[in-house]
Amino acid sequence: MRTARTAAALVAVIALAGCSGSGGKDGEDTSGDGSGGKGVNTPRLKIAMVTHSGEGDTFWDIVQSGAKQAARKDNVEFLYANDKEGKGQAELVQSFVDKKVDGIVVTLAKPEAMKSVLAKAEAAGIPVVTINSGAEHSAEFGALGHIGQDESVAGEAVGDELNERGRKKALCVIHEQGNVSLEQRCAGVRKTFDGPVENLNVEGTNAPGAQSSISAKLQATKGIDAVVTLGAPIAAVSVKAKEDAGSEAEVDTFDLNAEVVKRLKAGEVGFAVDQQPYLQGYLAVDELWLYKTNANVLGGGKPVLTGPAIVTEKDVPKLEKYTARGTR
């Protein structure tokens, strides 16, 4: 595994004993047994995470695994909720502000929808950490800091990798229209890739529809020899779409999970971009605990980068056991 371009390497000691599982739409306790844990002798805290995840997106299971592990260590009750629509996500954040939680972790895939409610969190004295998306808006919206990868840098790294592999024409598949981070990834690819890059919008929560759209595009547009997907579930969909279309294009993807590792091993995916979602969840909870118990701010308020790193078939042996347990 090699770290791409200028992304900072973050060294952290993490107990890889994550507990996978999906959260709730209405903010139930997802810390495992409902009690969190008492790994430290600090006051009991309640920390909520609200993401833009759509149904069935396994990426967020990995984020939650990291968050739950930190919660057990830090004597934190961890609450999780998600809504793929910006308005719904903002309403969930407001519900946690009303409940006077001790801290909020939030994604900024659709930042304008979140601006007002995060101002209310700040006015209520509730510290916020942003993760995964919208790094450029984090400080402006009053967050302590941002944890994730620089999406433009990650996209540029993909463009460079495609050049090294001799690819000539790329299709960039956006599975959630309006998500600024996904658009930044495709723009980054376009910036460094020597060939043309065409975007294709699909509905990520509708796998059959996405597969049909990708297949039709590969059949209609000659010369596409690289399909870049922006999330692990869409990589599997694109492999099937490629087969349907009789295309020889290489499928490459952002994000890593057990399915992508399996397909890397089988040669069905060329490479993946790992942004370490487990680390994003773990560090976000840990940062809020450190801030509440010791006034620490991770990274001095600057973005803490968890990626990108390019993962290929040769990295599979050292990753398989971690993806199997849901921590990579």
Protein backbone atom coordinates (compact mmCIF):
# COMPACT_ATOMS: atom_id res chain seq x y z
CA MET A 1 0.00 0.00 0.00
CA ARG A 2 1.42 3.38 -0.87
CA THR A 3 0.31 6.78 0.33
CA ALA A 4 -0.66 8.94 -2.62
CA ARG A 5 0.83 12.33 -3.46
CA THR A 6 1.02 14.83 -0.58
CA ALA A 7 -1.42 13.30 1.93
CA ALA A 8 -0.06 13.33 5.47
CA ALA A 9 0.57 10.00 7.16
CA LEU A 10 -1.23 9.74 10.48
CA VAL A 11 0.30 7.30 12.95
CA ALA A 12 -2.12 6.02 15.56
CA VAL A 13 -2.24 3.04 17.90
CA ILE A 14 -5.67 1.50 17.52
CA ALA A 15 -7.14 -1.63 19.04
CA LEU A 16 -8.63 -3.44 16.07
CA ALA A 17 -11.49 -5.06 17.90
CA GLY A 18 -14.29 -3.16 16.23
CA CYS A 19 -17.90 -4.18 16.51
CA SER A 20 -19.76 -3.88 13.22
CA GLY A 21 -23.40 -3.03 12.92
CA SER A 22 -25.76 -0.52 11.45
CA GLY A 23 -27.12 2.45 13.30
CA GLY A 24 -30.59 3.83 13.58
CA LYS A 25 -32.56 6.50 11.83
CA ASP A 26 -33.72 8.02 15.10
CA GLY A 27 -30.53 8.05 17.14
CA GLU A 28 -30.64 4.91 19.24
CA ASP A 29 -27.61 3.78 21.26
CA THR A 30 -25.40 1.67 18.97
CA SER A 31 -22.49 1.17 21.36
CA GLY A 32 -23.00 -2.59 21.37
CA ASP A 33 -24.69 -3.53 24.63
CA GLY A 34 -26.26 -0.12 25.28
CA SER A 35 -23.83 0.72 28.06
CA GLY A 36 -20.81 1.88 26.08
CA GLY A 37 -18.03 0.88 28.47
CA LYS A 38 -15.72 2.24 31.13
CA GLY A 39 -12.19 2.13 29.79
CA VAL A 40 -11.26 5.44 31.43
CA ASN A 41 -12.05 7.21 34.68
CA THR A 42 -13.66 10.28 33.13
CA PRO A 43 -17.24 11.55 33.24
CA ARG A 44 -19.80 9.71 31.13
CA LEU A 45 -20.35 11.51 27.81
CA LYS A 46 -22.98 11.23 25.10
CA ILE A 47 -21.69 11.71 21.53
CA ALA A 48 -23.85 11.58 18.40
CA MET A 49 -22.81 10.95 14.80
CA VAL A 50 -25.02 12.03 11.88
CA THR A 51 -23.99 11.06 8.35
CA HIS A 52 -25.33 11.39 4.82
CA SER A 53 -25.29 7.61 4.31
CA GLY A 54 -27.88 6.04 2.07
CA GLU A 55 -29.37 2.65 2.83
CA GLY A 56 -27.04 -0.29 2.32
CA ASP A 57 -23.79 1.68 2.15
CA THR A 58 -21.38 -0.58 4.06
CA PHE A 59 -18.73 2.16 4.24
CA TRP A 60 -20.57 3.63 7.21
CA ASP A 61 -20.60 0.32 9.07
CA ILE A 62 -16.80 0.57 9.12
CA VAL A 63 -16.91 4.19 10.31
CA GLN A 64 -19.26 3.13 13.11
CA SER A 65 -16.96 0.25 14.08
CA GLY A 66 -14.17 2.72 14.76
CA ALA A 67 -16.47 5.09 16.61
CA LYS A 68 -17.82 2.31 18.82
CA GLN A 69 -14.34 1.11 19.69
CA ALA A 70 -13.34 4.62 20.81
CA ALA A 71 -16.65 4.97 22.69
CA ARG A 72 -15.98 1.81 24.70
CA LYS A 73 -12.51 3.05 25.60
CA ASP A 74 -13.66 6.58 26.47
CA ASN A 75 -16.78 5.81 28.56
CA VAL A 76 -19.00 7.33 25.87
CA GLU A 77 -22.58 6.53 24.90
CA PHE A 78 -22.46 6.57 21.11
CA LEU A 79 -25.56 7.49 19.10
CA TYR A 80 -25.86 7.18 15.33
CA ALA A 81 -28.35 8.42 12.75
CA ASN A 82 -28.26 9.00 9.01
CA ASP A 83 -30.20 10.53 6.15
CA LYS A 84 -28.99 10.87 2.57
CA GLU A 85 -30.99 14.08 2.09
CA GLY A 86 -29.43 17.30 3.41
CA LYS A 87 -32.69 18.50 4.97
CA GLY A 88 -33.20 15.22 6.79
CA GLN A 89 -29.61 15.15 8.00
CA ALA A 90 -29.95 18.68 9.38
CA GLU A 91 -33.14 17.71 11.22
CA LEU A 92 -31.32 14.79 12.86
CA VAL A 93 -28.54 17.10 14.00
CA GLN A 94 -31.15 19.47 15.44
CA SER A 95 -32.67 16.58 17.39
CA PHE A 96 -29.30 15.91 19.03
CA VAL A 97 -28.82 19.61 19.79
CA ASP A 98 -32.23 19.52 21.49
CA LYS A 99 -31.11 16.48 23.51
CA LYS A 100 -28.05 18.44 24.68
CA VAL A 101 -25.51 15.77 23.72
CA ASP A 102 -21.89 16.40 24.68
CA GLY A 103 -20.58 16.39 21.13
CA ILE A 104 -21.62 15.83 17.53
CA VAL A 105 -19.79 14.19 14.63
CA VAL A 106 -21.19 15.15 11.25
CA THR A 107 -20.49 14.85 7.53
CA LEU A 108 -20.77 17.81 5.17
CA ALA A 109 -21.60 16.16 1.84
CA LYS A 110 -24.28 18.83 1.31
CA PRO A 111 -22.79 21.68 3.31
CA GLU A 112 -25.33 24.43 2.75
CA ALA A 113 -28.03 22.27 4.31
CA MET A 114 -25.92 21.93 7.46
CA LYS A 115 -24.72 25.50 7.97
CA SER A 116 -27.65 26.81 10.02
CA VAL A 117 -28.02 23.82 12.32
CA LEU A 118 -24.29 23.71 13.08
CA ALA A 119 -24.50 27.38 14.07
CA LYS A 120 -27.21 26.33 16.54
CA ALA A 121 -24.95 23.60 17.91
CA GLU A 122 -22.17 26.15 18.39
CA ALA A 123 -24.58 28.55 20.12
CA ALA A 124 -25.63 25.74 22.45
CA GLY A 125 -22.00 25.08 23.37
CA ILE A 126 -21.92 21.65 21.73
CA PRO A 127 -18.55 20.93 20.07
CA VAL A 128 -18.64 19.51 16.54
CA VAL A 129 -16.13 17.47 14.56
CA THR A 130 -16.65 16.95 10.83
CA ILE A 131 -15.54 13.81 9.05
CA ASN A 132 -15.29 12.39 5.56
CA SER A 133 -16.68 15.24 3.47
CA GLY A 134 -16.75 19.04 3.33
CA ALA A 135 -13.32 19.74 4.86
CA GLU A 136 -13.22 23.19 3.30
CA HIS A 137 -16.37 24.20 5.20
CA SER A 138 -15.46 22.68 8.58
CA ALA A 139 -13.78 25.68 10.23
CA GLU A 140 -16.26 28.13 8.68
CA PHE A 141 -19.13 26.18 10.27
CA GLY A 142 -17.48 26.29 13.70
CA ALA A 143 -16.16 22.72 13.93
CA LEU A 144 -13.11 21.86 16.07
CA GLY A 145 -11.56 20.15 13.07
CA HIS A 146 -12.02 17.75 10.18
CA ILE A 147 -10.95 14.12 9.85
CA GLY A 148 -10.77 12.46 6.44
CA GLN A 149 -8.96 12.67 3.15
CA ASP A 150 -8.48 15.62 0.82
CA GLU A 151 -10.89 14.62 -1.95
CA SER A 152 -9.17 16.66 -4.65
CA VAL A 153 -5.78 15.17 -3.78
CA ALA A 154 -7.32 11.70 -3.79
CA GLY A 155 -8.80 12.29 -7.23
CA GLU A 156 -5.48 13.57 -8.53
CA ALA A 157 -3.80 10.42 -7.21
CA VAL A 158 -6.28 8.31 -9.18
CA GLY A 159 -5.54 10.29 -12.34
CA ASP A 160 -1.83 9.68 -11.86
CA GLU A 161 -2.41 5.97 -11.28
CA LEU A 162 -4.51 5.68 -14.43
CA ASN A 163 -1.70 7.34 -16.40
CA GLU A 164 0.80 4.84 -15.00
CA ARG A 165 -1.47 2.03 -16.09
CA GLY A 166 -1.68 3.40 -19.62
CA ARG A 167 -5.38 4.17 -19.56
CA LYS A 168 -6.71 6.54 -22.23
CA LYS A 169 -10.37 7.33 -21.49
CA ALA A 170 -12.16 7.24 -18.13
CA LEU A 171 -15.75 7.14 -16.91
CA CYS A 172 -16.25 8.59 -13.40
CA VAL A 173 -19.42 7.22 -11.78
CA ILE A 174 -21.10 9.54 -9.26
CA HIS A 175 -23.50 7.52 -7.11
CA GLU A 176 -25.01 10.43 -5.13
CA GLN A 177 -25.89 13.53 -7.10
CA GLY A 178 -25.17 16.79 -5.27
CA ASN A 179 -22.50 15.32 -2.98
CA VAL A 180 -19.68 17.86 -3.23
CA SER A 181 -17.00 15.38 -2.16
CA LEU A 182 -17.83 13.00 -5.00
CA GLU A 183 -17.73 15.84 -7.50
CA GLN A 184 -14.31 16.87 -6.11
CA ARG A 185 -13.01 13.34 -6.64
CA CYS A 186 -13.99 13.33 -10.32
CA ALA A 187 -12.57 16.84 -10.77
CA GLY A 188 -9.29 15.66 -9.24
CA VAL A 189 -9.13 12.73 -11.66
CA ARG A 190 -9.75 15.11 -14.53
CA LYS A 191 -6.96 17.43 -13.35
CA THR A 192 -4.13 14.89 -13.61
CA PHE A 193 -5.39 12.24 -16.03
CA ASP A 194 -3.96 12.68 -19.52
CA GLY A 195 -7.11 11.45 -21.27
CA PRO A 196 -10.75 12.60 -21.26
CA VAL A 197 -12.94 11.96 -18.20
CA GLU A 198 -16.72 11.78 -18.47
CA ASN A 199 -19.00 11.84 -15.43
CA LEU A 200 -22.02 9.57 -15.13
CA ASN A 201 -24.65 10.09 -12.42
CA VAL A 202 -26.40 6.98 -11.09
CA GLU A 203 -28.62 6.26 -8.08
CA GLY A 204 -26.32 4.46 -5.69
CA THR A 205 -29.14 2.95 -3.63
CA ASN A 206 -30.62 1.32 -6.76
CA ALA A 207 -28.04 -1.29 -7.76
CA PRO A 208 -29.95 -2.75 -10.75
CA GLY A 209 -30.60 0.72 -12.15
CA ALA A 210 -26.98 1.77 -11.65
CA GLN A 211 -25.74 -1.41 -13.33
CA SER A 212 -28.01 -0.82 -16.31
CA SER A 213 -26.90 2.82 -16.68
CA ILE A 214 -23.19 1.96 -16.53
CA SER A 215 -23.60 -0.91 -18.97
CA ALA A 216 -25.51 1.30 -21.43
CA LYS A 217 -22.83 3.98 -21.20
CA LEU A 218 -20.03 1.50 -21.90
CA GLN A 219 -21.91 0.20 -24.91
CA ALA A 220 -22.73 3.66 -26.28
CA THR A 221 -19.34 5.33 -25.74
CA LYS A 222 -16.39 3.76 -27.49
CA GLY A 223 -12.91 3.79 -26.06
CA ILE A 224 -13.65 3.82 -22.32
CA ASP A 225 -10.88 1.72 -20.79
CA ALA A 226 -11.25 2.79 -17.14
CA VAL A 227 -14.36 2.95 -14.95
CA VAL A 228 -13.70 4.91 -11.76
CA THR A 229 -16.29 4.36 -9.04
CA LEU A 230 -16.49 6.57 -5.95
CA GLY A 231 -17.68 4.00 -3.41
CA ALA A 232 -17.00 0.32 -2.79
CA PRO A 233 -20.57 -0.96 -3.43
CA ILE A 234 -20.60 0.66 -6.88
CA ALA A 235 -17.37 -1.14 -7.80
CA ALA A 236 -19.15 -4.52 -7.63
CA VAL A 237 -22.04 -3.08 -9.66
CA SER A 238 -19.59 -1.80 -12.28
CA VAL A 239 -17.86 -5.16 -12.61
CA LYS A 240 -21.24 -6.69 -13.51
CA ALA A 241 -22.06 -3.80 -15.85
CA LYS A 242 -18.74 -4.24 -17.63
CA GLU A 243 -19.53 -7.92 -18.18
CA ASP A 244 -23.01 -7.06 -19.49
CA ALA A 245 -21.54 -4.59 -21.96
CA GLY A 246 -18.72 -6.89 -23.11
CA SER A 247 -16.27 -4.14 -22.16
CA GLU A 248 -12.56 -4.56 -21.48
CA ALA A 249 -12.41 -1.48 -19.25
CA GLU A 250 -10.59 -1.73 -15.93
CA VAL A 251 -12.75 -1.03 -12.88
CA ASP A 252 -11.01 1.03 -10.17
CA THR A 253 -12.61 2.46 -7.07
CA PHE A 254 -12.46 4.78 -4.12
CA ASP A 255 -12.92 3.12 -0.73
CA LEU A 256 -12.19 -0.33 0.56
CA ASN A 257 -14.24 -3.15 2.06
CA ALA A 258 -14.17 -6.95 2.13
CA GLU A 259 -15.89 -7.19 -1.27
CA VAL A 260 -13.37 -4.88 -2.93
CA VAL A 261 -10.45 -6.79 -1.39
CA LYS A 262 -11.93 -10.01 -2.77
CA ARG A 263 -12.25 -8.45 -6.22
CA LEU A 264 -8.71 -7.05 -6.07
CA LYS A 265 -7.51 -10.57 -5.34
CA ALA A 266 -9.50 -11.94 -8.29
CA GLY A 267 -8.23 -9.23 -10.64
CA GLU A 268 -11.72 -7.82 -11.17
CA VAL A 269 -10.73 -4.44 -9.68
CA GLY A 270 -7.42 -2.85 -10.60
CA PHE A 271 -6.84 -0.66 -7.54
CA ALA A 272 -8.69 1.02 -4.69
CA VAL A 273 -8.22 4.28 -2.80
CA ASP A 274 -8.30 3.69 0.95
CA GLN A 275 -9.33 6.62 3.17
CA GLN A 276 -9.47 4.47 6.34
CA PRO A 277 -13.08 4.93 7.48
CA TYR A 278 -12.50 3.03 10.74
CA LEU A 279 -9.90 5.64 11.65
CA GLN A 280 -12.29 8.47 10.82
CA GLY A 281 -14.92 7.16 13.24
CA TYR A 282 -12.40 6.31 15.96
CA LEU A 283 -10.56 9.63 15.88
CA ALA A 284 -13.76 11.70 15.73
CA VAL A 285 -15.10 10.23 18.98
CA ASP A 286 -11.64 10.37 20.55
CA GLU A 287 -11.21 14.02 19.58
CA LEU A 288 -14.49 15.04 21.20
CA TRP A 289 -13.60 13.06 24.35
CA LEU A 290 -10.16 14.68 24.50
CA TYR A 291 -11.69 18.12 24.03
CA LYS A 292 -14.35 17.63 26.70
CA THR A 293 -12.00 16.07 29.26
CA ASN A 294 -8.74 17.92 28.57
CA ALA A 295 -9.40 20.81 26.13
CA ASN A 296 -7.23 19.09 23.49
CA VAL A 297 -7.81 19.75 19.79
CA LEU A 298 -6.50 17.06 17.45
CA GLY A 299 -4.23 18.45 14.74
CA GLY A 300 -4.37 21.92 16.24
CA GLY A 301 -7.63 22.54 14.41
CA LYS A 302 -6.15 21.68 11.01
CA PRO A 303 -7.57 18.80 8.93
CA VAL A 304 -6.28 15.39 10.01
CA LEU A 305 -5.75 13.28 6.89
CA THR A 306 -6.57 9.57 6.96
CA GLY A 307 -5.76 9.01 3.27
CA PRO A 308 -5.54 8.58 0.40
CA ALA A 309 -3.52 5.42 -0.10
CA ILE A 310 -3.50 3.34 -3.28
CA VAL A 311 -4.25 -0.34 -2.61
CA THR A 312 -3.54 -3.04 -5.20
CA GLU A 313 -3.60 -6.83 -5.42
CA LYS A 314 -0.23 -7.08 -3.67
CA ASP A 315 -1.70 -5.47 -0.54
CA VAL A 316 -4.47 -8.07 -0.19
CA PRO A 317 -2.61 -10.51 2.14
CA LYS A 318 -2.12 -7.90 4.87
CA LEU A 319 -5.64 -6.50 4.61
CA GLU A 320 -7.89 -9.57 4.38
CA LYS A 321 -8.12 -10.28 8.11
CA TYR A 322 -9.02 -6.66 8.88
CA THR A 323 -11.69 -6.36 6.19
CA ALA A 324 -13.14 -9.69 7.39
CA ARG A 325 -13.67 -8.24 10.87
CA GLY A 326 -15.11 -4.98 9.51
CA THR A 327 -12.31 -2.61 10.53
CA ARG A 328 -10.88 -1.88 7.04
